[in-house]
Every structure is written in C-alpha cells, then in structure tokens.
N, C-alpha and C. Protein backbone atom coordinates (compact mmCIF):
# COMPACT_ATOMS: atom_id res chain seq x y z
N UNK A 1 111.17 73.14 28.77
CA UNK A 1 110.43 74.19 28.09
C UNK A 1 109.12 74.52 28.81
N UNK A 2 108.51 73.54 29.43
CA UNK A 2 107.26 73.78 30.16
C UNK A 2 107.49 74.74 31.32
N UNK A 3 108.64 74.64 31.99
CA UNK A 3 108.93 75.56 33.09
C UNK A 3 109.01 77.00 32.60
N UNK A 4 109.58 77.20 31.44
CA UNK A 4 109.68 78.55 30.87
C UNK A 4 108.29 79.09 30.54
N UNK A 5 107.43 78.25 30.01
CA UNK A 5 106.06 78.70 29.70
C UNK A 5 105.33 79.08 30.97
N UNK A 6 105.51 78.30 32.03
CA UNK A 6 104.87 78.63 33.30
C UNK A 6 105.38 79.98 33.81
N UNK A 7 106.68 80.19 33.74
CA UNK A 7 107.27 81.44 34.22
C UNK A 7 106.71 82.63 33.45
N UNK A 8 106.61 82.52 32.13
CA UNK A 8 106.07 83.62 31.33
C UNK A 8 104.61 83.89 31.68
N UNK A 9 103.83 82.82 31.85
CA UNK A 9 102.41 82.97 32.16
C UNK A 9 102.26 83.68 33.51
N UNK A 10 103.07 83.32 34.49
CA UNK A 10 103.02 83.96 35.80
C UNK A 10 103.41 85.42 35.73
N UNK A 11 104.33 85.75 34.89
CA UNK A 11 104.81 87.13 34.76
C UNK A 11 103.87 87.98 33.90
N UNK A 12 102.99 87.35 33.17
CA UNK A 12 102.11 88.07 32.26
C UNK A 12 101.25 89.10 32.98
N UNK A 13 100.90 88.83 34.22
CA UNK A 13 100.01 89.71 34.97
C UNK A 13 100.76 90.55 36.00
N UNK A 14 102.07 90.51 35.94
CA UNK A 14 102.89 91.21 36.93
C UNK A 14 102.60 92.71 36.95
N UNK A 15 102.56 93.35 35.81
CA UNK A 15 102.32 94.79 35.75
C UNK A 15 100.95 95.16 36.34
N UNK A 16 99.91 94.42 35.93
CA UNK A 16 98.57 94.68 36.48
C UNK A 16 98.57 94.43 37.98
N UNK A 17 99.26 93.39 38.43
CA UNK A 17 99.32 93.09 39.86
C UNK A 17 99.95 94.22 40.65
N UNK A 18 101.05 94.77 40.16
CA UNK A 18 101.69 95.88 40.85
C UNK A 18 100.80 97.13 40.83
N UNK A 19 100.13 97.36 39.72
CA UNK A 19 99.25 98.52 39.63
C UNK A 19 98.06 98.38 40.58
N UNK A 20 97.46 97.20 40.60
CA UNK A 20 96.33 96.96 41.52
C UNK A 20 96.78 97.09 42.96
N UNK A 21 97.95 96.56 43.27
CA UNK A 21 98.50 96.69 44.63
C UNK A 21 98.69 98.17 44.97
N UNK A 22 99.19 98.95 44.04
CA UNK A 22 99.37 100.39 44.26
C UNK A 22 98.05 101.08 44.57
N UNK A 23 96.99 100.67 43.90
CA UNK A 23 95.66 101.23 44.19
C UNK A 23 95.21 100.85 45.60
N UNK A 24 95.49 99.62 46.01
CA UNK A 24 95.12 99.18 47.36
C UNK A 24 95.88 99.98 48.41
N UNK A 25 97.16 100.24 48.16
CA UNK A 25 97.96 101.04 49.09
C UNK A 25 97.40 102.45 49.18
N UNK A 26 97.09 103.04 48.03
CA UNK A 26 96.52 104.40 48.03
C UNK A 26 95.20 104.44 48.79
N UNK A 27 94.37 103.44 48.59
CA UNK A 27 93.09 103.40 49.30
C UNK A 27 93.32 103.28 50.81
N UNK A 28 94.30 102.48 51.21
CA UNK A 28 94.59 102.28 52.63
C UNK A 28 95.22 103.50 53.28
N UNK A 29 95.78 104.37 52.51
CA UNK A 29 96.45 105.56 53.05
C UNK A 29 95.52 106.78 53.11
N UNK A 30 94.25 106.60 52.80
CA UNK A 30 93.33 107.74 52.88
C UNK A 30 93.27 108.26 54.31
N UNK A 31 93.38 109.58 54.48
CA UNK A 31 93.43 110.17 55.83
C UNK A 31 92.23 109.81 56.71
N UNK A 32 91.09 109.54 56.13
CA UNK A 32 89.89 109.20 56.90
C UNK A 32 90.16 108.08 57.90
N UNK A 33 90.89 107.07 57.46
CA UNK A 33 91.17 105.93 58.35
C UNK A 33 91.93 106.35 59.60
N UNK A 34 92.85 107.27 59.43
CA UNK A 34 93.72 107.68 60.53
C UNK A 34 93.11 108.83 61.34
N UNK A 35 92.45 109.74 60.65
CA UNK A 35 91.88 110.92 61.31
C UNK A 35 90.54 110.64 61.98
N UNK A 36 89.67 109.91 61.32
CA UNK A 36 88.32 109.68 61.84
C UNK A 36 88.22 108.35 62.58
N UNK A 37 88.78 107.30 62.02
CA UNK A 37 88.68 105.99 62.66
C UNK A 37 89.79 105.75 63.69
N UNK A 38 90.75 106.63 63.75
CA UNK A 38 91.85 106.55 64.71
C UNK A 38 92.67 105.27 64.56
N UNK A 39 92.83 104.81 63.32
CA UNK A 39 93.77 103.72 63.06
C UNK A 39 95.16 104.27 63.37
N UNK A 40 95.97 103.53 64.11
CA UNK A 40 97.32 104.02 64.42
C UNK A 40 98.12 104.27 63.14
N UNK A 41 98.63 105.47 62.99
CA UNK A 41 99.45 105.79 61.81
C UNK A 41 100.89 105.37 62.11
N UNK A 42 101.06 104.06 62.17
CA UNK A 42 102.34 103.43 62.47
C UNK A 42 102.62 102.40 61.38
N UNK A 43 103.79 101.80 61.40
CA UNK A 43 104.07 100.73 60.45
C UNK A 43 103.05 99.61 60.57
N UNK A 44 102.72 99.23 61.81
CA UNK A 44 101.75 98.16 62.01
C UNK A 44 100.36 98.56 61.53
N UNK A 45 99.92 99.77 61.88
CA UNK A 45 98.61 100.23 61.45
C UNK A 45 98.49 100.31 59.94
N UNK A 46 99.54 100.82 59.31
CA UNK A 46 99.53 100.91 57.84
C UNK A 46 99.55 99.52 57.20
N UNK A 47 100.38 98.62 57.76
CA UNK A 47 100.44 97.25 57.24
C UNK A 47 99.07 96.61 57.30
N UNK A 48 98.37 96.79 58.42
CA UNK A 48 97.06 96.16 58.56
C UNK A 48 96.02 96.74 57.62
N UNK A 49 96.04 98.04 57.38
CA UNK A 49 95.07 98.61 56.43
C UNK A 49 95.40 98.20 55.00
N UNK A 50 96.68 98.20 54.66
CA UNK A 50 97.07 97.72 53.33
C UNK A 50 96.65 96.26 53.20
N UNK A 51 96.94 95.47 54.24
CA UNK A 51 96.57 94.06 54.22
C UNK A 51 95.07 93.85 54.05
N UNK A 52 94.28 94.65 54.72
CA UNK A 52 92.82 94.55 54.58
C UNK A 52 92.40 94.82 53.14
N UNK A 53 92.90 95.90 52.56
CA UNK A 53 92.53 96.24 51.19
C UNK A 53 93.01 95.19 50.19
N UNK A 54 94.23 94.70 50.38
CA UNK A 54 94.75 93.66 49.50
C UNK A 54 93.95 92.37 49.68
N UNK A 55 93.60 92.03 50.91
CA UNK A 55 92.82 90.81 51.15
C UNK A 55 91.46 90.90 50.45
N UNK A 56 90.82 92.06 50.51
CA UNK A 56 89.53 92.23 49.83
C UNK A 56 89.69 92.11 48.32
N UNK A 57 90.76 92.68 47.78
CA UNK A 57 91.01 92.62 46.35
C UNK A 57 91.31 91.18 45.92
N UNK A 58 92.17 90.51 46.66
CA UNK A 58 92.50 89.12 46.32
C UNK A 58 91.26 88.23 46.43
N UNK A 59 90.46 88.48 47.44
CA UNK A 59 89.20 87.73 47.61
C UNK A 59 88.36 87.84 46.35
N UNK A 60 88.22 89.05 45.86
CA UNK A 60 87.43 89.28 44.64
C UNK A 60 88.03 88.54 43.45
N UNK A 61 89.33 88.64 43.29
CA UNK A 61 89.99 88.06 42.12
C UNK A 61 90.01 86.53 42.15
N UNK A 62 90.21 85.95 43.31
CA UNK A 62 90.30 84.49 43.42
C UNK A 62 89.02 83.78 43.03
N UNK A 63 87.89 84.45 43.21
CA UNK A 63 86.61 83.79 42.97
C UNK A 63 86.09 83.98 41.55
N UNK A 64 86.95 84.42 40.66
CA UNK A 64 86.54 84.63 39.28
C UNK A 64 87.29 83.66 38.38
N UNK A 65 86.91 83.65 37.15
CA UNK A 65 87.61 82.81 36.18
C UNK A 65 88.96 83.45 35.85
N UNK A 66 89.76 82.73 35.09
CA UNK A 66 91.05 83.28 34.67
C UNK A 66 90.80 84.57 33.88
N UNK A 67 91.61 85.56 34.07
CA UNK A 67 92.87 85.58 34.81
C UNK A 67 92.74 85.98 36.28
N UNK A 68 91.55 85.86 36.87
CA UNK A 68 91.35 86.29 38.26
C UNK A 68 92.36 85.70 39.23
N UNK A 69 92.48 84.36 39.30
CA UNK A 69 93.44 83.78 40.24
C UNK A 69 94.89 84.19 39.95
N UNK A 70 95.24 84.30 38.68
CA UNK A 70 96.60 84.73 38.33
C UNK A 70 96.83 86.18 38.75
N UNK A 71 95.82 87.02 38.59
CA UNK A 71 95.93 88.41 39.05
C UNK A 71 96.02 88.47 40.57
N UNK A 72 95.25 87.62 41.25
CA UNK A 72 95.33 87.58 42.72
C UNK A 72 96.75 87.24 43.16
N UNK A 73 97.37 86.27 42.50
CA UNK A 73 98.74 85.90 42.84
C UNK A 73 99.69 87.05 42.53
N UNK A 74 99.46 87.75 41.43
CA UNK A 74 100.33 88.88 41.07
C UNK A 74 100.21 90.01 42.09
N UNK A 75 99.02 90.26 42.61
CA UNK A 75 98.83 91.28 43.65
C UNK A 75 99.56 90.85 44.92
N UNK A 76 99.40 89.60 45.31
CA UNK A 76 100.09 89.08 46.48
C UNK A 76 101.60 89.21 46.31
N UNK A 77 102.12 88.82 45.16
CA UNK A 77 103.55 88.91 44.91
C UNK A 77 104.04 90.35 44.97
N UNK A 78 103.24 91.26 44.43
CA UNK A 78 103.61 92.68 44.47
C UNK A 78 103.67 93.18 45.91
N UNK A 79 102.71 92.78 46.73
CA UNK A 79 102.68 93.22 48.12
C UNK A 79 103.95 92.78 48.85
N UNK A 80 104.32 91.53 48.69
CA UNK A 80 105.46 91.05 49.46
C UNK A 80 106.80 91.45 48.85
N UNK A 81 106.82 91.76 47.58
CA UNK A 81 108.01 92.37 47.00
C UNK A 81 108.20 93.77 47.58
N UNK A 82 107.09 94.50 47.70
CA UNK A 82 107.12 95.84 48.29
C UNK A 82 107.53 95.78 49.76
N UNK A 83 107.02 94.81 50.50
CA UNK A 83 107.39 94.67 51.91
C UNK A 83 108.89 94.42 52.05
N UNK A 84 109.44 93.58 51.19
CA UNK A 84 110.87 93.29 51.20
C UNK A 84 111.67 94.57 50.97
N UNK A 85 111.27 95.33 49.96
CA UNK A 85 111.97 96.58 49.63
C UNK A 85 111.87 97.57 50.79
N UNK A 86 110.66 97.71 51.36
CA UNK A 86 110.47 98.65 52.46
C UNK A 86 111.31 98.28 53.68
N UNK A 87 111.39 97.01 54.00
CA UNK A 87 112.21 96.59 55.14
C UNK A 87 113.67 96.93 54.90
N UNK A 88 114.14 96.69 53.70
CA UNK A 88 115.54 97.01 53.37
C UNK A 88 115.78 98.52 53.47
N UNK A 89 114.81 99.31 52.98
CA UNK A 89 114.95 100.78 53.07
C UNK A 89 114.93 101.27 54.51
N UNK A 90 114.26 100.52 55.39
CA UNK A 90 114.21 100.88 56.80
C UNK A 90 115.48 100.46 57.53
N UNK A 91 116.37 99.78 56.82
CA UNK A 91 117.65 99.40 57.40
C UNK A 91 117.69 98.03 58.03
N UNK A 92 116.67 97.21 57.78
CA UNK A 92 116.70 95.84 58.29
C UNK A 92 117.80 95.10 57.55
N UNK A 93 118.62 94.39 58.28
CA UNK A 93 119.75 93.67 57.69
C UNK A 93 119.31 92.58 56.74
N UNK A 94 120.12 92.33 55.73
CA UNK A 94 119.81 91.32 54.72
C UNK A 94 119.50 89.95 55.32
N UNK A 95 120.20 89.60 56.40
CA UNK A 95 120.02 88.29 57.00
C UNK A 95 118.65 88.14 57.68
N UNK A 96 118.05 89.23 58.10
CA UNK A 96 116.76 89.10 58.79
C UNK A 96 115.56 89.52 57.95
N UNK A 97 115.78 90.05 56.76
CA UNK A 97 114.66 90.46 55.91
C UNK A 97 113.75 89.28 55.60
N UNK A 98 114.34 88.16 55.22
CA UNK A 98 113.54 86.98 54.88
C UNK A 98 112.65 86.53 56.02
N UNK A 99 113.19 86.52 57.24
CA UNK A 99 112.41 86.10 58.40
C UNK A 99 111.27 87.08 58.67
N UNK A 100 111.55 88.36 58.53
CA UNK A 100 110.52 89.37 58.77
C UNK A 100 109.42 89.30 57.70
N UNK A 101 109.81 89.13 56.45
CA UNK A 101 108.83 89.01 55.37
C UNK A 101 107.99 87.76 55.59
N UNK A 102 108.61 86.68 56.01
CA UNK A 102 107.86 85.44 56.28
C UNK A 102 106.83 85.67 57.40
N UNK A 103 107.23 86.37 58.44
CA UNK A 103 106.30 86.66 59.54
C UNK A 103 105.14 87.54 59.04
N UNK A 104 105.44 88.50 58.17
CA UNK A 104 104.39 89.35 57.61
C UNK A 104 103.46 88.53 56.72
N UNK A 105 104.04 87.63 55.94
CA UNK A 105 103.28 86.75 55.06
C UNK A 105 102.31 85.92 55.89
N UNK A 106 102.81 85.33 56.98
CA UNK A 106 101.95 84.52 57.85
C UNK A 106 100.85 85.35 58.50
N UNK A 107 101.20 86.55 58.95
CA UNK A 107 100.21 87.45 59.55
C UNK A 107 99.13 87.81 58.53
N UNK A 108 99.55 88.14 57.33
CA UNK A 108 98.59 88.49 56.28
C UNK A 108 97.64 87.33 56.00
N UNK A 109 98.19 86.14 55.83
CA UNK A 109 97.35 84.99 55.52
C UNK A 109 96.34 84.70 56.63
N UNK A 110 96.78 84.79 57.87
CA UNK A 110 95.87 84.56 58.98
C UNK A 110 94.75 85.58 59.01
N UNK A 111 95.12 86.83 58.82
CA UNK A 111 94.11 87.90 58.81
C UNK A 111 93.15 87.72 57.63
N UNK A 112 93.69 87.48 56.45
CA UNK A 112 92.85 87.34 55.26
C UNK A 112 91.85 86.20 55.43
N UNK A 113 92.29 85.08 55.99
CA UNK A 113 91.38 83.94 56.22
C UNK A 113 90.28 84.33 57.21
N UNK A 114 90.66 85.01 58.27
CA UNK A 114 89.68 85.42 59.28
C UNK A 114 88.67 86.39 58.69
N UNK A 115 89.15 87.37 57.93
CA UNK A 115 88.25 88.34 57.32
C UNK A 115 87.31 87.64 56.33
N UNK A 116 87.86 86.74 55.54
CA UNK A 116 87.04 86.04 54.54
C UNK A 116 85.96 85.19 55.21
N UNK A 117 86.32 84.52 56.28
CA UNK A 117 85.34 83.71 57.01
C UNK A 117 84.19 84.58 57.51
N UNK A 118 84.52 85.73 58.09
CA UNK A 118 83.48 86.64 58.58
C UNK A 118 82.64 87.19 57.43
N UNK A 119 83.29 87.55 56.33
CA UNK A 119 82.55 88.07 55.18
C UNK A 119 81.64 87.01 54.58
N UNK A 120 82.15 85.79 54.44
CA UNK A 120 81.33 84.71 53.89
C UNK A 120 80.10 84.43 54.76
N UNK A 121 80.27 84.57 56.08
CA UNK A 121 79.16 84.31 57.01
C UNK A 121 78.25 85.51 57.17
N UNK A 122 78.64 86.66 56.60
CA UNK A 122 77.86 87.88 56.79
C UNK A 122 77.88 88.33 58.24
N UNK A 123 78.97 88.06 58.92
CA UNK A 123 79.09 88.31 60.36
C UNK A 123 79.91 89.58 60.62
N UNK A 124 79.24 90.71 60.62
CA UNK A 124 79.91 92.00 60.84
C UNK A 124 80.55 92.07 62.22
N UNK A 125 79.94 91.44 63.21
CA UNK A 125 80.49 91.45 64.56
C UNK A 125 81.83 90.74 64.64
N UNK A 126 81.92 89.57 64.02
CA UNK A 126 83.20 88.83 64.00
C UNK A 126 84.25 89.60 63.21
N UNK A 127 83.84 90.23 62.12
CA UNK A 127 84.78 91.02 61.33
C UNK A 127 85.29 92.20 62.16
N UNK A 128 84.38 92.89 62.85
CA UNK A 128 84.79 94.02 63.70
C UNK A 128 85.75 93.56 64.80
N UNK A 129 85.47 92.41 65.40
CA UNK A 129 86.35 91.89 66.45
C UNK A 129 87.74 91.57 65.90
N UNK A 130 87.78 90.96 64.71
CA UNK A 130 89.07 90.65 64.09
C UNK A 130 89.83 91.93 63.75
N UNK A 131 89.12 92.92 63.24
CA UNK A 131 89.77 94.19 62.91
C UNK A 131 90.28 94.88 64.17
N UNK A 132 89.52 94.84 65.25
CA UNK A 132 89.97 95.44 66.51
C UNK A 132 91.24 94.75 67.00
N UNK A 133 91.25 93.45 66.91
CA UNK A 133 92.40 92.65 67.35
C UNK A 133 93.64 92.92 66.50
N UNK A 134 93.45 93.08 65.19
CA UNK A 134 94.59 93.22 64.29
C UNK A 134 95.00 94.66 64.04
N UNK A 135 94.06 95.49 63.64
CA UNK A 135 94.39 96.87 63.28
C UNK A 135 94.77 97.69 64.50
N UNK A 136 94.03 97.50 65.57
CA UNK A 136 94.32 98.27 66.80
C UNK A 136 95.10 97.43 67.80
N UNK A 137 95.54 96.24 67.37
CA UNK A 137 96.34 95.33 68.19
C UNK A 137 95.68 95.02 69.54
N UNK A 138 94.35 94.91 69.51
CA UNK A 138 93.62 94.56 70.72
C UNK A 138 93.41 95.71 71.68
N UNK A 139 93.89 96.88 71.33
CA UNK A 139 93.70 98.05 72.19
C UNK A 139 92.33 98.64 71.99
N UNK A 140 92.16 99.86 72.44
CA UNK A 140 90.89 100.55 72.29
C UNK A 140 90.59 100.72 70.80
N UNK A 141 89.44 100.25 70.40
CA UNK A 141 89.05 100.29 68.99
C UNK A 141 87.59 100.69 68.86
N UNK A 142 87.26 101.93 69.25
CA UNK A 142 85.85 102.33 69.22
C UNK A 142 85.26 102.40 67.81
N UNK A 143 86.10 102.41 66.80
CA UNK A 143 85.60 102.51 65.43
C UNK A 143 85.76 101.21 64.63
N UNK A 144 86.02 100.10 65.31
CA UNK A 144 86.20 98.82 64.62
C UNK A 144 84.93 98.43 63.85
N UNK A 145 83.76 98.68 64.43
CA UNK A 145 82.51 98.34 63.74
C UNK A 145 82.36 99.17 62.47
N UNK A 146 82.80 100.42 62.53
CA UNK A 146 82.73 101.28 61.35
C UNK A 146 83.69 100.77 60.26
N UNK A 147 84.88 100.33 60.66
CA UNK A 147 85.82 99.78 59.69
C UNK A 147 85.25 98.49 59.09
N UNK A 148 84.57 97.70 59.90
CA UNK A 148 83.93 96.49 59.38
C UNK A 148 82.85 96.85 58.35
N UNK A 149 82.06 97.87 58.64
CA UNK A 149 81.04 98.34 57.69
C UNK A 149 81.68 98.76 56.38
N UNK A 150 82.79 99.48 56.46
CA UNK A 150 83.52 99.92 55.27
C UNK A 150 84.05 98.72 54.50
N UNK A 151 84.61 97.74 55.22
CA UNK A 151 85.17 96.55 54.55
C UNK A 151 84.07 95.77 53.84
N UNK A 152 82.93 95.62 54.47
CA UNK A 152 81.81 94.89 53.86
C UNK A 152 81.33 95.61 52.60
N UNK A 153 81.20 96.92 52.67
CA UNK A 153 80.76 97.70 51.50
C UNK A 153 81.82 97.69 50.41
N UNK A 154 83.09 97.71 50.78
CA UNK A 154 84.17 97.66 49.79
C UNK A 154 84.17 96.30 49.10
N UNK A 155 83.96 95.24 49.87
CA UNK A 155 83.88 93.90 49.31
C UNK A 155 82.77 93.84 48.26
N UNK A 156 81.62 94.40 48.59
CA UNK A 156 80.49 94.41 47.65
C UNK A 156 80.81 95.25 46.42
N UNK A 157 81.46 96.39 46.61
CA UNK A 157 81.81 97.25 45.47
C UNK A 157 82.81 96.56 44.55
N UNK A 158 83.76 95.83 45.11
CA UNK A 158 84.73 95.11 44.28
C UNK A 158 84.04 94.00 43.50
N UNK A 159 83.06 93.36 44.09
CA UNK A 159 82.32 92.28 43.42
C UNK A 159 81.61 92.80 42.18
N UNK A 160 81.17 94.04 42.22
CA UNK A 160 80.43 94.61 41.07
C UNK A 160 81.34 95.07 39.94
N UNK A 161 82.66 95.07 40.15
CA UNK A 161 83.57 95.56 39.10
C UNK A 161 83.96 94.42 38.16
N UNK A 162 84.08 94.76 36.89
CA UNK A 162 84.35 93.76 35.85
C UNK A 162 85.80 93.27 35.91
N UNK A 163 85.96 91.98 35.66
CA UNK A 163 87.29 91.37 35.66
C UNK A 163 88.20 92.04 34.64
N UNK A 164 87.65 92.46 33.52
CA UNK A 164 88.48 93.11 32.48
C UNK A 164 89.15 94.37 33.02
N UNK A 165 88.47 95.09 33.90
CA UNK A 165 89.08 96.28 34.51
C UNK A 165 90.28 95.89 35.35
N UNK A 166 90.12 94.83 36.16
CA UNK A 166 91.23 94.37 37.00
C UNK A 166 92.40 93.94 36.13
N UNK A 167 92.11 93.21 35.05
CA UNK A 167 93.17 92.74 34.16
C UNK A 167 93.94 93.91 33.54
N UNK A 168 93.27 95.05 33.41
CA UNK A 168 93.92 96.25 32.88
C UNK A 168 94.59 97.06 33.99
N UNK A 169 94.57 96.55 35.21
CA UNK A 169 95.20 97.25 36.33
C UNK A 169 94.33 98.33 36.93
N UNK A 170 93.03 98.27 36.68
CA UNK A 170 92.10 99.28 37.17
C UNK A 170 91.22 98.71 38.28
N UNK A 171 91.08 99.46 39.35
CA UNK A 171 90.17 99.09 40.43
C UNK A 171 89.71 100.37 41.10
N UNK A 172 88.47 100.39 41.52
CA UNK A 172 87.94 101.56 42.22
C UNK A 172 87.58 101.16 43.65
N UNK A 173 88.41 101.57 44.59
CA UNK A 173 88.06 101.41 46.00
C UNK A 173 87.21 102.61 46.38
N UNK A 174 85.99 102.39 46.84
CA UNK A 174 85.14 103.53 47.18
C UNK A 174 85.73 104.32 48.35
N UNK A 175 85.54 105.63 48.35
CA UNK A 175 86.04 106.44 49.47
C UNK A 175 85.40 105.98 50.78
N UNK A 176 86.20 105.72 51.80
CA UNK A 176 85.64 105.18 53.04
C UNK A 176 84.63 106.10 53.72
N UNK A 177 84.80 107.39 53.56
CA UNK A 177 83.86 108.32 54.20
C UNK A 177 82.46 108.20 53.65
N UNK A 178 82.32 107.68 52.41
CA UNK A 178 80.98 107.48 51.83
C UNK A 178 80.35 106.18 52.28
N UNK A 179 81.13 105.31 52.92
CA UNK A 179 80.66 103.99 53.33
C UNK A 179 80.47 103.85 54.83
N UNK A 180 80.95 104.82 55.59
CA UNK A 180 81.06 104.69 57.03
C UNK A 180 79.75 104.76 57.78
N UNK A 181 78.73 105.23 57.17
CA UNK A 181 77.44 105.34 57.87
C UNK A 181 77.31 106.67 58.59
N UNK A 182 76.31 106.78 59.39
CA UNK A 182 75.97 108.06 60.01
C UNK A 182 76.83 108.41 61.23
N UNK A 183 77.61 107.46 61.74
CA UNK A 183 78.43 107.73 62.92
C UNK A 183 79.74 108.44 62.61
N UNK A 184 80.05 108.60 61.34
CA UNK A 184 81.37 109.15 60.97
C UNK A 184 81.52 110.60 61.30
C-alpha cells in the first residue's frame, strides 16, 4: 500500500509539471534567441535553450519547501517524456529511443550542474563559457555573454515568484529582449 501512496503523491504534480515545462519551452522558442543572439535554430540549439530554461526552473523549485522538489521532479519528468515522444515522431526506432533519451538526460544533467555552479558563484564569465560550449557547440558565440546575462536575470526573476504560482502551473519567464542589456 505504501508504494501506491508514493505513486499517487508523485503523480499529484504531474499536470503542473507539464504546464510549467510547456511555459519553459515557449520561453525558449522566443524568436529573439534565434534572430538576435544567433542561437542555431536546430534540434541541438532548441534542446539547449529548452534545457537552460528547464534547468533554471528546476533550480528555483528544488530550493524551496514542498511541493517545490516534487514540482521540480514533475518538470523533469515532463521534459523527458516530451523528448521521448519527439524522438519517436522524428522516426527514431523504438530500440534506440531509450539510448538517445539517456544521452539527452546525461547532457541535461551535466549542463544544469555547470550552470548552477556558475550561478551560485555569481560567475557570469563561467556561465557564458558554458553556454558557448553547449548552445553554440563550441563554435562562434559572440552573444554568449548576453545569453548569460539573460539567464542570470531569469534566475533572479524566478526566485521572486511565489511557490503557489508554480504549484498552479504558472510561471513568468521575462522576455529576453528586456533582459539583454544595451548590446541587443
């Protein structure tokens, strides 16, 4: 019976998790990132921007009281459920979907840890370097510092939002063009 109670408790935040994840995807798909910051509008570029937004959201949720950590897990679960579905829709064979999702999971975790370390240290330079390495895959990334500025401001904006809003599936990602600074 205890296993059933755990399962229900985990599923309790599933709807809010999927809704919050949807907001993160919408925020990551804003044209500013692709048009002004020149993030590659590719599967990899989109994955990295979605991952950045989800990492910032999970970071916010994990550091709060319940249901914050449960919501963070629900957002994570929603992201990788979506990745599984997207890979299948792209025609990836059933036998390799699991391996590809696992690789994406590992990539996300590595990136999220790196971003969190830089954010915790207040190190915009390290964050910009990590973003250049990941989002632009180490290529030319003249706007990586601007993306780091946006990520830092987004992190601060998420911190100011009430946990009750997140529990209701509500989150406000600020428009990146308002956070980019004077170089935009």
